[in-house]
Amino acid sequence: GSAFELEITKPMHLGNGVAYEINSDEIMRLHQYLADLFKADL
């Protein structure tokens, strides 16, 4: 893989906490690739 940009778009409510929401087509593709790779173990 190559380095890629992530957009930190907004703070988000988690119910009992707060996070920063991340937006990136590349992270979604990476996650899907890894999910397929580890499908039997998830």
PDB file of all heavy atoms in Angstrom:
ATOM      1  N   GLY A   1       0.814  -1.204   0.000  1.00  0.00           N
ATOM      2  CA  GLY A   1       0.000   0.000   0.000  1.00  0.00           C
ATOM      3  C   GLY A   1       0.845   1.250   0.000  1.00  0.00           C
ATOM      4  O   GLY A   1       2.038   1.217   0.300  1.00  0.00           O
ATOM      5  N   SER A   2       0.200   2.342  -0.346  1.00  0.00           N
ATOM      6  CA  SER A   2       0.821   3.660  -0.323  1.00  0.00           C
ATOM      7  C   SER A   2       0.116   4.523   0.700  1.00  0.00           C
ATOM      8  O   SER A   2      -1.072   4.317   0.984  1.00  0.00           O
ATOM      9  CB  SER A   2       0.696   4.327  -1.694  1.00  0.00           C
ATOM     10  OG  SER A   2       1.367   3.577  -2.667  1.00  0.00           O
ATOM     11  N   ALA A   3       0.836   5.501   1.216  1.00  0.00           N
ATOM     12  CA  ALA A   3       0.227   6.459   2.139  1.00  0.00           C
ATOM     13  C   ALA A   3      -0.958   7.126   1.432  1.00  0.00           C
ATOM     14  O   ALA A   3      -0.947   7.288   0.209  1.00  0.00           O
ATOM     15  CB  ALA A   3       1.248   7.490   2.576  1.00  0.00           C
ATOM     16  N   PHE A   4      -1.983   7.479   2.209  1.00  0.00           N
ATOM     17  CA  PHE A   4      -3.151   8.142   1.629  1.00  0.00           C
ATOM     18  C   PHE A   4      -3.738   9.122   2.631  1.00  0.00           C
ATOM     19  O   PHE A   4      -3.492   9.026   3.832  1.00  0.00           O
ATOM     20  CB  PHE A   4      -4.196   7.140   1.144  1.00  0.00           C
ATOM     21  CG  PHE A   4      -4.726   6.201   2.202  1.00  0.00           C
ATOM     22  CD1 PHE A   4      -5.807   6.544   2.998  1.00  0.00           C
ATOM     23  CD2 PHE A   4      -4.137   4.954   2.382  1.00  0.00           C
ATOM     24  CE1 PHE A   4      -6.297   5.675   3.961  1.00  0.00           C
ATOM     25  CE2 PHE A   4      -4.620   4.070   3.341  1.00  0.00           C
ATOM     26  CZ  PHE A   4      -5.703   4.436   4.129  1.00  0.00           C
ATOM     27  N   GLU A   5      -4.508  10.059   2.100  1.00  0.00           N
ATOM     28  CA  GLU A   5      -5.095  11.103   2.940  1.00  0.00           C
ATOM     29  C   GLU A   5      -6.416  10.656   3.547  1.00  0.00           C
ATOM     30  O   GLU A   5      -7.164   9.877   2.957  1.00  0.00           O
ATOM     31  CB  GLU A   5      -5.309  12.379   2.130  1.00  0.00           C
ATOM     32  CG  GLU A   5      -4.016  13.050   1.754  1.00  0.00           C
ATOM     33  CD  GLU A   5      -4.212  14.407   1.112  1.00  0.00           C
ATOM     34  OE1 GLU A   5      -5.350  14.749   0.705  1.00  0.00           O
ATOM     35  OE2 GLU A   5      -3.212  15.144   1.027  1.00  0.00           O
ATOM     36  N   LEU A   6      -6.666  11.181   4.738  1.00  0.00           N
ATOM     37  CA  LEU A   6      -7.907  10.973   5.476  1.00  0.00           C
ATOM     38  C   LEU A   6      -8.485  12.344   5.794  1.00  0.00           C
ATOM     39  O   LEU A   6      -7.754  13.218   6.258  1.00  0.00           O
ATOM     40  CB  LEU A   6      -7.637  10.250   6.800  1.00  0.00           C
ATOM     41  CG  LEU A   6      -6.889   8.929   6.758  1.00  0.00           C
ATOM     42  CD1 LEU A   6      -6.335   8.601   8.131  1.00  0.00           C
ATOM     43  CD2 LEU A   6      -7.819   7.837   6.279  1.00  0.00           C
ATOM     44  N   GLU A   7      -9.757  12.514   5.591  1.00  0.00           N
ATOM     45  CA  GLU A   7     -10.412  13.769   5.963  1.00  0.00           C
ATOM     46  C   GLU A   7     -11.035  13.590   7.347  1.00  0.00           C
ATOM     47  O   GLU A   7     -11.845  12.685   7.545  1.00  0.00           O
ATOM     48  CB  GLU A   7     -11.484  14.149   4.939  1.00  0.00           C
ATOM     49  CG  GLU A   7     -10.931  14.429   3.546  1.00  0.00           C
ATOM     50  CD  GLU A   7      -9.916  15.549   3.532  1.00  0.00           C
ATOM     51  OE1 GLU A   7     -10.109  16.555   4.247  1.00  0.00           O
ATOM     52  OE2 GLU A   7      -8.912  15.423   2.806  1.00  0.00           O
ATOM     53  N   ILE A   8     -10.629  14.411   8.291  1.00  0.00           N
ATOM     54  CA  ILE A   8     -11.242  14.424   9.619  1.00  0.00           C
ATOM     55  C   ILE A   8     -12.364  15.446   9.492  1.00  0.00           C
ATOM     56  O   ILE A   8     -12.119  16.652   9.424  1.00  0.00           O
ATOM     57  CB  ILE A   8     -10.223  14.779  10.723  1.00  0.00           C
ATOM     58  CG1 ILE A   8      -9.131  13.702  10.897  1.00  0.00           C
ATOM     59  CG2 ILE A   8     -10.943  14.860  12.060  1.00  0.00           C
ATOM     60  CD1 ILE A   8      -8.384  13.260   9.746  1.00  0.00           C
ATOM     61  N   THR A   9     -13.601  14.943   9.396  1.00  0.00           N
ATOM     62  CA  THR A   9     -14.721  15.772   8.950  1.00  0.00           C
ATOM     63  C   THR A   9     -15.497  16.452  10.062  1.00  0.00           C
ATOM     64  O   THR A   9     -16.005  17.548   9.866  1.00  0.00           O
ATOM     65  CB  THR A   9     -15.698  14.939   8.104  1.00  0.00           C
ATOM     66  OG1 THR A   9     -16.104  13.791   8.863  1.00  0.00           O
ATOM     67  CG2 THR A   9     -15.035  14.477   6.812  1.00  0.00           C
ATOM     68  N   LYS A  10     -15.617  15.775  11.225  1.00  0.00           N
ATOM     69  CA  LYS A  10     -16.400  16.364  12.302  1.00  0.00           C
ATOM     70  C   LYS A  10     -16.280  15.520  13.565  1.00  0.00           C
ATOM     71  O   LYS A  10     -15.958  14.335  13.500  1.00  0.00           O
ATOM     72  CB  LYS A  10     -17.868  16.481  11.912  1.00  0.00           C
ATOM     73  CG  LYS A  10     -18.550  15.141  11.678  1.00  0.00           C
ATOM     74  CD  LYS A  10     -19.994  15.310  11.239  1.00  0.00           C
ATOM     75  CE  LYS A  10     -20.631  13.960  10.981  1.00  0.00           C
ATOM     76  NZ  LYS A  10     -21.997  14.075  10.518  1.00  0.00           N
ATOM     77  N   PRO A  11     -16.564  16.140  14.711  1.00  0.00           N
ATOM     78  CA  PRO A  11     -16.672  15.339  15.933  1.00  0.00           C
ATOM     79  C   PRO A  11     -17.998  14.580  15.890  1.00  0.00           C
ATOM     80  O   PRO A  11     -18.975  15.060  15.305  1.00  0.00           O
ATOM     81  CB  PRO A  11     -16.647  16.375  17.053  1.00  0.00           C
ATOM     82  CG  PRO A  11     -16.937  17.681  16.421  1.00  0.00           C
ATOM     83  CD  PRO A  11     -16.686  17.564  14.963  1.00  0.00           C
ATOM     84  N   MET A  12     -18.023  13.411  16.482  1.00  0.00           N
ATOM     85  CA  MET A  12     -19.244  12.598  16.480  1.00  0.00           C
ATOM     86  C   MET A  12     -19.541  12.072  17.874  1.00  0.00           C
ATOM     87  O   MET A  12     -18.646  11.786  18.660  1.00  0.00           O
ATOM     88  CB  MET A  12     -19.144  11.456  15.468  1.00  0.00           C
ATOM     89  CG  MET A  12     -18.052  10.446  15.732  1.00  0.00           C
ATOM     90  SD  MET A  12     -17.826   9.242  14.396  1.00  0.00           S
ATOM     91  CE  MET A  12     -19.047   8.013  14.810  1.00  0.00           C
ATOM     92  N   HIS A  13     -20.829  11.947  18.161  1.00  0.00           N
ATOM     93  CA  HIS A  13     -21.314  11.464  19.448  1.00  0.00           C
ATOM     94  C   HIS A  13     -21.316   9.939  19.449  1.00  0.00           C
ATOM     95  O   HIS A  13     -21.795   9.322  18.504  1.00  0.00           O
ATOM     96  CB  HIS A  13     -22.725  12.009  19.682  1.00  0.00           C
ATOM     97  CG  HIS A  13     -23.233  11.782  21.050  1.00  0.00           C
ATOM     98  ND1 HIS A  13     -24.301  10.975  21.312  1.00  0.00           N
ATOM     99  CD2 HIS A  13     -22.826  12.263  22.246  1.00  0.00           C
ATOM    100  CE1 HIS A  13     -24.535  10.972  22.619  1.00  0.00           C
ATOM    101  NE2 HIS A  13     -23.652  11.738  23.199  1.00  0.00           N
ATOM    102  N   LEU A  14     -20.786   9.346  20.490  1.00  0.00           N
ATOM    103  CA  LEU A  14     -20.754   7.885  20.625  1.00  0.00           C
ATOM    104  C   LEU A  14     -21.699   7.388  21.712  1.00  0.00           C
ATOM    105  O   LEU A  14     -21.615   6.238  22.104  1.00  0.00           O
ATOM    106  CB  LEU A  14     -19.330   7.413  20.950  1.00  0.00           C
ATOM    107  CG  LEU A  14     -18.250   7.698  19.921  1.00  0.00           C
ATOM    108  CD1 LEU A  14     -16.898   7.237  20.440  1.00  0.00           C
ATOM    109  CD2 LEU A  14     -18.565   7.023  18.595  1.00  0.00           C
ATOM    110  N   GLY A  15     -22.558   8.243  22.216  1.00  0.00           N
ATOM    111  CA  GLY A  15     -23.423   7.855  23.329  1.00  0.00           C
ATOM    112  C   GLY A  15     -22.749   8.159  24.645  1.00  0.00           C
ATOM    113  O   GLY A  15     -23.125   9.084  25.346  1.00  0.00           O
ATOM    114  N   ASN A  16     -21.727   7.374  24.975  1.00  0.00           N
ATOM    115  CA  ASN A  16     -20.959   7.581  26.202  1.00  0.00           C
ATOM    116  C   ASN A  16     -19.574   8.138  25.919  1.00  0.00           C
ATOM    117  O   ASN A  16     -18.645   7.926  26.688  1.00  0.00           O
ATOM    118  CB  ASN A  16     -20.835   6.267  26.986  1.00  0.00           C
ATOM    119  CG  ASN A  16     -22.165   5.815  27.537  1.00  0.00           C
ATOM    120  OD1 ASN A  16     -23.000   6.630  27.904  1.00  0.00           O
ATOM    121  ND2 ASN A  16     -22.385   4.517  27.558  1.00  0.00           N
ATOM    122  N   GLY A  17     -19.441   8.841  24.797  1.00  0.00           N
ATOM    123  CA  GLY A  17     -18.143   9.398  24.449  1.00  0.00           C
ATOM    124  C   GLY A  17     -18.210  10.219  23.179  1.00  0.00           C
ATOM    125  O   GLY A  17     -19.271  10.458  22.617  1.00  0.00           O
ATOM    126  N   VAL A  18     -17.011  10.631  22.730  1.00  0.00           N
ATOM    127  CA  VAL A  18     -16.879  11.474  21.549  1.00  0.00           C
ATOM    128  C   VAL A  18     -15.695  10.961  20.725  1.00  0.00           C
ATOM    129  O   VAL A  18     -14.685  10.524  21.281  1.00  0.00           O
ATOM    130  CB  VAL A  18     -16.646  12.955  21.944  1.00  0.00           C
ATOM    131  CG1 VAL A  18     -16.352  13.821  20.723  1.00  0.00           C
ATOM    132  CG2 VAL A  18     -17.839  13.493  22.715  1.00  0.00           C
ATOM    133  N   ALA A  19     -15.851  11.043  19.410  1.00  0.00           N
ATOM    134  CA  ALA A  19     -14.781  10.658  18.487  1.00  0.00           C
ATOM    135  C   ALA A  19     -14.733  11.670  17.353  1.00  0.00           C
ATOM    136  O   ALA A  19     -15.620  12.509  17.214  1.00  0.00           O
ATOM    137  CB  ALA A  19     -15.038   9.255  17.936  1.00  0.00           C
ATOM    138  N   TYR A  20     -13.684  11.571  16.565  1.00  0.00           N
ATOM    139  CA  TYR A  20     -13.595  12.344  15.332  1.00  0.00           C
ATOM    140  C   TYR A  20     -13.899  11.409  14.168  1.00  0.00           C
ATOM    141  O   TYR A  20     -13.275  10.347  14.043  1.00  0.00           O
ATOM    142  CB  TYR A  20     -12.205  12.964  15.166  1.00  0.00           C
ATOM    143  CG  TYR A  20     -11.983  14.140  16.068  1.00  0.00           C
ATOM    144  CD1 TYR A  20     -11.312  14.007  17.269  1.00  0.00           C
ATOM    145  CD2 TYR A  20     -12.463  15.404  15.722  1.00  0.00           C
ATOM    146  CE1 TYR A  20     -11.113  15.093  18.108  1.00  0.00           C
ATOM    147  CE2 TYR A  20     -12.268  16.499  16.561  1.00  0.00           C
ATOM    148  CZ  TYR A  20     -11.594  16.329  17.750  1.00  0.00           C
ATOM    149  OH  TYR A  20     -11.400  17.404  18.574  1.00  0.00           O
ATOM    150  N   GLU A  21     -14.840  11.813  13.339  1.00  0.00           N
ATOM    151  CA  GLU A  21     -15.231  11.020  12.177  1.00  0.00           C
ATOM    152  C   GLU A  21     -14.193  11.169  11.066  1.00  0.00           C
ATOM    153  O   GLU A  21     -13.711  12.267  10.807  1.00  0.00           O
ATOM    154  CB  GLU A  21     -16.600  11.495  11.686  1.00  0.00           C
ATOM    155  CG  GLU A  21     -17.158  10.685  10.545  1.00  0.00           C
ATOM    156  CD  GLU A  21     -18.551  11.149  10.172  1.00  0.00           C
ATOM    157  OE1 GLU A  21     -19.504  10.756  10.860  1.00  0.00           O
ATOM    158  OE2 GLU A  21     -18.663  11.921   9.203  1.00  0.00           O
ATOM    159  N   ILE A  22     -13.876  10.056  10.423  1.00  0.00           N
ATOM    160  CA  ILE A  22     -12.885  10.010   9.354  1.00  0.00           C
ATOM    161  C   ILE A  22     -13.589   9.657   8.045  1.00  0.00           C
ATOM    162  O   ILE A  22     -14.407   8.739   8.002  1.00  0.00           O
ATOM    163  CB  ILE A  22     -11.812   8.927   9.639  1.00  0.00           C
ATOM    164  CG1 ILE A  22     -11.231   9.052  11.048  1.00  0.00           C
ATOM    165  CG2 ILE A  22     -10.751   8.917   8.561  1.00  0.00           C
ATOM    166  CD1 ILE A  22     -10.446  10.279  11.335  1.00  0.00           C
ATOM    167  N   ASN A  23     -13.228  10.369   6.987  1.00  0.00           N
ATOM    168  CA  ASN A  23     -13.803  10.105   5.675  1.00  0.00           C
ATOM    169  C   ASN A  23     -12.676   9.887   4.679  1.00  0.00           C
ATOM    170  O   ASN A  23     -11.786  10.724   4.554  1.00  0.00           O
ATOM    171  CB  ASN A  23     -14.683  11.280   5.242  1.00  0.00           C
ATOM    172  CG  ASN A  23     -15.420  11.007   3.960  1.00  0.00           C
ATOM    173  OD1 ASN A  23     -15.437   9.886   3.453  1.00  0.00           O
ATOM    174  ND2 ASN A  23     -16.035  12.034   3.419  1.00  0.00           N
ATOM    175  N   SER A  24     -12.713   8.748   3.986  1.00  0.00           N
ATOM    176  CA  SER A  24     -11.689   8.439   2.988  1.00  0.00           C
ATOM    177  C   SER A  24     -12.129   7.224   2.190  1.00  0.00           C
ATOM    178  O   SER A  24     -12.422   6.173   2.765  1.00  0.00           O
ATOM    179  CB  SER A  24     -10.359   8.152   3.685  1.00  0.00           C
ATOM    180  OG  SER A  24      -9.475   7.458   2.846  1.00  0.00           O
ATOM    181  N   ASP A  25     -12.174   7.369   0.882  1.00  0.00           N
ATOM    182  CA  ASP A  25     -12.475   6.213   0.032  1.00  0.00           C
ATOM    183  C   ASP A  25     -11.396   5.153   0.182  1.00  0.00           C
ATOM    184  O   ASP A  25     -11.685   3.949   0.181  1.00  0.00           O
ATOM    185  CB  ASP A  25     -12.580   6.637  -1.437  1.00  0.00           C
ATOM    186  CG  ASP A  25     -13.807   7.500  -1.713  1.00  0.00           C
ATOM    187  OD1 ASP A  25     -14.770   7.466  -0.908  1.00  0.00           O
ATOM    188  OD2 ASP A  25     -13.800   8.215  -2.736  1.00  0.00           O
ATOM    189  N   GLU A  26     -10.151   5.596   0.328  1.00  0.00           N
ATOM    190  CA  GLU A  26      -9.037   4.648   0.429  1.00  0.00           C
ATOM    191  C   GLU A  26      -9.131   3.779   1.677  1.00  0.00           C
ATOM    192  O   GLU A  26      -8.859   2.585   1.621  1.00  0.00           O
ATOM    193  CB  GLU A  26      -7.684   5.382   0.410  1.00  0.00           C
ATOM    194  CG  GLU A  26      -7.345   5.997  -0.930  1.00  0.00           C
ATOM    195  CD  GLU A  26      -7.897   7.417  -1.099  1.00  0.00           C
ATOM    196  OE1 GLU A  26      -8.735   7.868  -0.266  1.00  0.00           O
ATOM    197  OE2 GLU A  26      -7.511   8.077  -2.063  1.00  0.00           O
ATOM    198  N   ILE A  27      -9.534   4.380   2.808  1.00  0.00           N
ATOM    199  CA  ILE A  27      -9.630   3.556   4.021  1.00  0.00           C
ATOM    200  C   ILE A  27     -10.770   2.551   3.892  1.00  0.00           C
ATOM    201  O   ILE A  27     -10.669   1.429   4.385  1.00  0.00           O
ATOM    202  CB  ILE A  27      -9.759   4.400   5.315  1.00  0.00           C
ATOM    203  CG1 ILE A  27      -9.463   3.514   6.532  1.00  0.00           C
ATOM    204  CG2 ILE A  27     -11.132   5.021   5.446  1.00  0.00           C
ATOM    205  CD1 ILE A  27      -9.422   4.239   7.846  1.00  0.00           C
ATOM    206  N   MET A  28     -11.819   2.931   3.194  1.00  0.00           N
ATOM    207  CA  MET A  28     -12.937   2.003   3.001  1.00  0.00           C
ATOM    208  C   MET A  28     -12.499   0.828   2.118  1.00  0.00           C
ATOM    209  O   MET A  28     -12.843  -0.325   2.401  1.00  0.00           O
ATOM    210  CB  MET A  28     -14.147   2.726   2.407  1.00  0.00           C
ATOM    211  CG  MET A  28     -14.670   3.860   3.292  1.00  0.00           C
ATOM    212  SD  MET A  28     -15.017   3.388   5.019  1.00  0.00           S
ATOM    213  CE  MET A  28     -16.557   2.494   4.805  1.00  0.00           C
ATOM    214  N   ARG A  29     -11.726   1.121   1.067  1.00  0.00           N
ATOM    215  CA  ARG A  29     -11.225   0.047   0.198  1.00  0.00           C
ATOM    216  C   ARG A  29     -10.258  -0.855   0.962  1.00  0.00           C
ATOM    217  O   ARG A  29     -10.303  -2.082   0.835  1.00  0.00           O
ATOM    218  CB  ARG A  29     -10.549   0.630  -1.039  1.00  0.00           C
ATOM    219  CG  ARG A  29     -11.523   1.143  -2.084  1.00  0.00           C
ATOM    220  CD  ARG A  29     -10.840   1.443  -3.416  1.00  0.00           C
ATOM    221  NE  ARG A  29      -9.969   2.601  -3.355  1.00  0.00           N
ATOM    222  CZ  ARG A  29     -10.358   3.852  -3.569  1.00  0.00           C
ATOM    223  NH1 ARG A  29     -11.611   4.114  -3.854  1.00  0.00           N
ATOM    224  NH2 ARG A  29      -9.494   4.839  -3.496  1.00  0.00           N
ATOM    225  N   LEU A  30      -9.351  -0.246   1.744  1.00  0.00           N
ATOM    226  CA  LEU A  30      -8.401  -1.029   2.541  1.00  0.00           C
ATOM    227  C   LEU A  30      -9.137  -1.933   3.523  1.00  0.00           C
ATOM    228  O   LEU A  30      -8.828  -3.122   3.646  1.00  0.00           O
ATOM    229  CB  LEU A  30      -7.449  -0.094   3.300  1.00  0.00           C
ATOM    230  CG  LEU A  30      -6.500  -0.758   4.295  1.00  0.00           C
ATOM    231  CD1 LEU A  30      -5.540  -1.706   3.609  1.00  0.00           C
ATOM    232  CD2 LEU A  30      -5.746   0.307   5.093  1.00  0.00           C
ATOM    233  N   HIS A  31     -10.117  -1.376   4.210  1.00  0.00           N
ATOM    234  CA  HIS A  31     -10.880  -2.167   5.181  1.00  0.00           C
ATOM    235  C   HIS A  31     -11.586  -3.332   4.494  1.00  0.00           C
ATOM    236  O   HIS A  31     -11.568  -4.460   4.995  1.00  0.00           O
ATOM    237  CB  HIS A  31     -11.883  -1.281   5.927  1.00  0.00           C
ATOM    238  CG  HIS A  31     -12.595  -2.021   7.003  1.00  0.00           C
ATOM    239  ND1 HIS A  31     -13.781  -2.669   6.783  1.00  0.00           N
ATOM    240  CD2 HIS A  31     -12.267  -2.242   8.295  1.00  0.00           C
ATOM    241  CE1 HIS A  31     -14.169  -3.255   7.903  1.00  0.00           C
ATOM    242  NE2 HIS A  31     -13.267  -3.013   8.837  1.00  0.00           N
ATOM    243  N   GLN A  32     -12.195  -3.080   3.344  1.00  0.00           N
ATOM    244  CA  GLN A  32     -12.897  -4.144   2.625  1.00  0.00           C
ATOM    245  C   GLN A  32     -11.931  -5.233   2.174  1.00  0.00           C
ATOM    246  O   GLN A  32     -12.222  -6.422   2.282  1.00  0.00           O
ATOM    247  CB  GLN A  32     -13.666  -3.581   1.426  1.00  0.00           C
ATOM    248  CG  GLN A  32     -14.536  -4.626   0.740  1.00  0.00           C
ATOM    249  CD  GLN A  32     -15.572  -5.230   1.681  1.00  0.00           C
ATOM    250  OE1 GLN A  32     -16.375  -4.523   2.265  1.00  0.00           O
ATOM    251  NE2 GLN A  32     -15.532  -6.549   1.860  1.00  0.00           N
ATOM    252  N   TYR A  33     -10.767  -4.820   1.682  1.00  0.00           N
ATOM    253  CA  TYR A  33      -9.752  -5.794   1.259  1.00  0.00           C
ATOM    254  C   TYR A  33      -9.350  -6.681   2.442  1.00  0.00           C
ATOM    255  O   TYR A  33      -9.291  -7.911   2.326  1.00  0.00           O
ATOM    256  CB  TYR A  33      -8.533  -5.072   0.684  1.00  0.00           C
ATOM    257  CG  TYR A  33      -7.407  -6.011   0.347  1.00  0.00           C
ATOM    258  CD1 TYR A  33      -7.400  -6.717  -0.858  1.00  0.00           C
ATOM    259  CD2 TYR A  33      -6.360  -6.218   1.249  1.00  0.00           C
ATOM    260  CE1 TYR A  33      -6.371  -7.596  -1.152  1.00  0.00           C
ATOM    261  CE2 TYR A  33      -5.331  -7.099   0.949  1.00  0.00           C
ATOM    262  CZ  TYR A  33      -5.342  -7.789  -0.248  1.00  0.00           C
ATOM    263  OH  TYR A  33      -4.334  -8.668  -0.527  1.00  0.00           O
ATOM    264  N   LEU A  34      -9.059  -6.054   3.576  1.00  0.00           N
ATOM    265  CA  LEU A  34      -8.656  -6.817   4.762  1.00  0.00           C
ATOM    266  C   LEU A  34      -9.801  -7.665   5.302  1.00  0.00           C
ATOM    267  O   LEU A  34      -9.575  -8.789   5.767  1.00  0.00           O
ATOM    268  CB  LEU A  34      -8.130  -5.873   5.842  1.00  0.00           C
ATOM    269  CG  LEU A  34      -6.785  -5.218   5.525  1.00  0.00           C
ATOM    270  CD1 LEU A  34      -6.520  -4.054   6.484  1.00  0.00           C
ATOM    271  CD2 LEU A  34      -5.654  -6.230   5.568  1.00  0.00           C
ATOM    272  N   ALA A  35     -11.025  -7.156   5.239  1.00  0.00           N
ATOM    273  CA  ALA A  35     -12.186  -7.934   5.686  1.00  0.00           C
ATOM    274  C   ALA A  35     -12.336  -9.200   4.836  1.00  0.00           C
ATOM    275  O   ALA A  35     -12.631 -10.277   5.361  1.00  0.00           O
ATOM    276  CB  ALA A  35     -13.456  -7.087   5.620  1.00  0.00           C
ATOM    277  N   ASP A  36     -12.106  -9.075   3.535  1.00  0.00           N
ATOM    278  CA  ASP A  36     -12.155 -10.252   2.658  1.00  0.00           C
ATOM    279  C   ASP A  36     -11.018 -11.214   2.994  1.00  0.00           C
ATOM    280  O   ASP A  36     -11.210 -12.434   3.019  1.00  0.00           O
ATOM    281  CB  ASP A  36     -12.073  -9.829   1.190  1.00  0.00           C
ATOM    282  CG  ASP A  36     -13.317  -9.087   0.708  1.00  0.00           C
ATOM    283  OD1 ASP A  36     -14.371  -9.154   1.385  1.00  0.00           O
ATOM    284  OD2 ASP A  36     -13.226  -8.423  -0.345  1.00  0.00           O
ATOM    285  N   LEU A  37      -9.842 -10.665   3.263  1.00  0.00           N
ATOM    286  CA  LEU A  37      -8.665 -11.474   3.576  1.00  0.00           C
ATOM    287  C   LEU A  37      -8.862 -12.282   4.866  1.00  0.00           C
ATOM    288  O   LEU A  37      -8.435 -13.431   4.964  1.00  0.00           O
ATOM    289  CB  LEU A  37      -7.451 -10.545   3.716  1.00  0.00           C
ATOM    290  CG  LEU A  37      -6.063 -11.126   3.642  1.00  0.00           C
ATOM    291  CD1 LEU A  37      -5.802 -11.806   2.304  1.00  0.00           C
ATOM    292  CD2 LEU A  37      -5.034 -10.021   3.867  1.00  0.00           C
ATOM    293  N   PHE A  38      -9.514 -11.666   5.858  1.00  0.00           N
ATOM    294  CA  PHE A  38      -9.706 -12.305   7.164  1.00  0.00           C
ATOM    295  C   PHE A  38     -11.149 -12.758   7.388  1.00  0.00           C
ATOM    296  O   PHE A  38     -11.556 -12.982   8.534  1.00  0.00           O
ATOM    297  CB  PHE A  38      -9.294 -11.335   8.279  1.00  0.00           C
ATOM    298  CG  PHE A  38      -7.816 -11.103   8.363  1.00  0.00           C
ATOM    299  CD1 PHE A  38      -7.247  -9.939   7.873  1.00  0.00           C
ATOM    300  CD2 PHE A  38      -6.975 -12.062   8.918  1.00  0.00           C
ATOM    301  CE1 PHE A  38      -5.886  -9.722   7.942  1.00  0.00           C
ATOM    302  CE2 PHE A  38      -5.606 -11.858   8.989  1.00  0.00           C
ATOM    303  CZ  PHE A  38      -5.054 -10.679   8.499  1.00  0.00           C
ATOM    304  N   LYS A  39     -11.899 -12.901   6.316  1.00  0.00           N
ATOM    305  CA  LYS A  39     -13.345 -13.167   6.406  1.00  0.00           C
ATOM    306  C   LYS A  39     -13.699 -14.286   7.391  1.00  0.00           C
ATOM    307  O   LYS A  39     -14.602 -14.143   8.205  1.00  0.00           O
ATOM    308  CB  LYS A  39     -13.893 -13.500   5.022  1.00  0.00           C
ATOM    309  CG  LYS A  39     -15.376 -13.639   4.973  1.00  0.00           C
ATOM    310  CD  LYS A  39     -15.868 -13.830   3.555  1.00  0.00           C
ATOM    311  CE  LYS A  39     -17.376 -13.839   3.544  1.00  0.00           C
ATOM    312  NZ  LYS A  39     -17.903 -13.833   2.188  1.00  0.00           N
ATOM    313  N   ALA A  40     -12.995 -15.381   7.344  1.00  0.00           N
ATOM    314  CA  ALA A  40     -13.311 -16.534   8.198  1.00  0.00           C
ATOM    315  C   ALA A  40     -13.033 -16.265   9.675  1.00  0.00           C
ATOM    316  O   ALA A  40     -13.555 -16.965  10.540  1.00  0.00           O
ATOM    317  CB  ALA A  40     -12.513 -17.761   7.736  1.00  0.00           C
ATOM    318  N   ASP A  41     -12.229 -15.251   9.977  1.00  0.00           N
ATOM    319  CA  ASP A  41     -11.809 -14.984  11.351  1.00  0.00           C
ATOM    320  C   ASP A  41     -12.539 -13.828  12.025  1.00  0.00           C
ATOM    321  O   ASP A  41     -12.338 -13.589  13.215  1.00  0.00           O
ATOM    322  CB  ASP A  41     -10.305 -14.659  11.374  1.00  0.00           C
ATOM    323  CG  ASP A  41      -9.466 -15.798  10.833  1.00  0.00           C
ATOM    324  OD1 ASP A  41      -9.644 -16.935  11.301  1.00  0.00           O
ATOM    325  OD2 ASP A  41      -8.647 -15.542   9.931  1.00  0.00           O
ATOM    326  N   LEU A  42     -13.363 -13.086  11.270  1.00  0.00           N
ATOM    327  CA  LEU A  42     -13.952 -11.867  11.819  1.00  0.00           C
ATOM    328  C   LEU A  42     -15.069 -12.153  12.820  1.00  0.00           C
ATOM    329  O   LEU A  42     -15.933 -12.987  12.579  1.00  0.00           O
ATOM    330  CB  LEU A  42     -14.485 -10.978  10.695  1.00  0.00           C
ATOM    331  CG  LEU A  42     -13.458 -10.441   9.718  1.00  0.00           C
ATOM    332  CD1 LEU A  42     -14.135  -9.527   8.702  1.00  0.00           C
ATOM    333  CD2 LEU A  42     -12.333  -9.710  10.432  1.00  0.00           C
TER     334      LEU A  42
END
